[in-house]
Structure formats: C-alpha cells, structure tokens
Amino acid sequence: GLGSVLGKILKMGANLLGGAPKQ
C-alpha cells in the first residue's frame, strides 16, 4: 500500500544521507 511505498522512499533517502536506523 501507500504506507509501504513511503517507507521504502524514507529508507532509501536515509541510506543516501548516510545510513538508516534499523526498525
């Protein structure tokens, strides 16, 4: 769903910025 897509975008953005917190 939409939430899943937003989650993926946020994770990709965080990874690009230097690492996403693992949840």
Protein backbone atom coordinates (compact mmCIF):
# COMPACT_ATOMS: atom_id res chain seq x y z
CA GLY A 1 0.00 0.00 0.00
CA LEU A 2 0.88 3.69 0.09
CA GLY A 3 2.47 3.40 3.54
CA SER A 4 4.82 0.70 2.24
CA VAL A 5 5.87 2.92 -0.67
CA LEU A 6 6.51 5.87 1.65
CA GLY A 7 8.51 3.64 3.98
CA LYS A 8 10.70 2.48 1.11
CA ILE A 9 11.30 6.08 0.00
CA LEU A 10 12.21 7.14 3.53
CA LYS A 11 14.60 4.20 3.91
CA MET A 12 16.27 4.93 0.57
CA GLY A 13 16.59 8.62 1.45
CA ALA A 14 18.10 7.83 4.84
CA ASN A 15 20.55 5.39 3.25
CA LEU A 16 21.63 8.06 0.78
CA LEU A 17 22.13 10.51 3.63
CA GLY A 18 24.44 8.14 5.45
CA GLY A 19 22.59 5.19 6.94
CA ALA A 20 19.07 4.49 8.09
CA PRO A 21 18.17 3.40 11.63
CA LYS A 22 17.04 -0.22 11.50
CA GLN A 23 13.48 -0.64 12.72
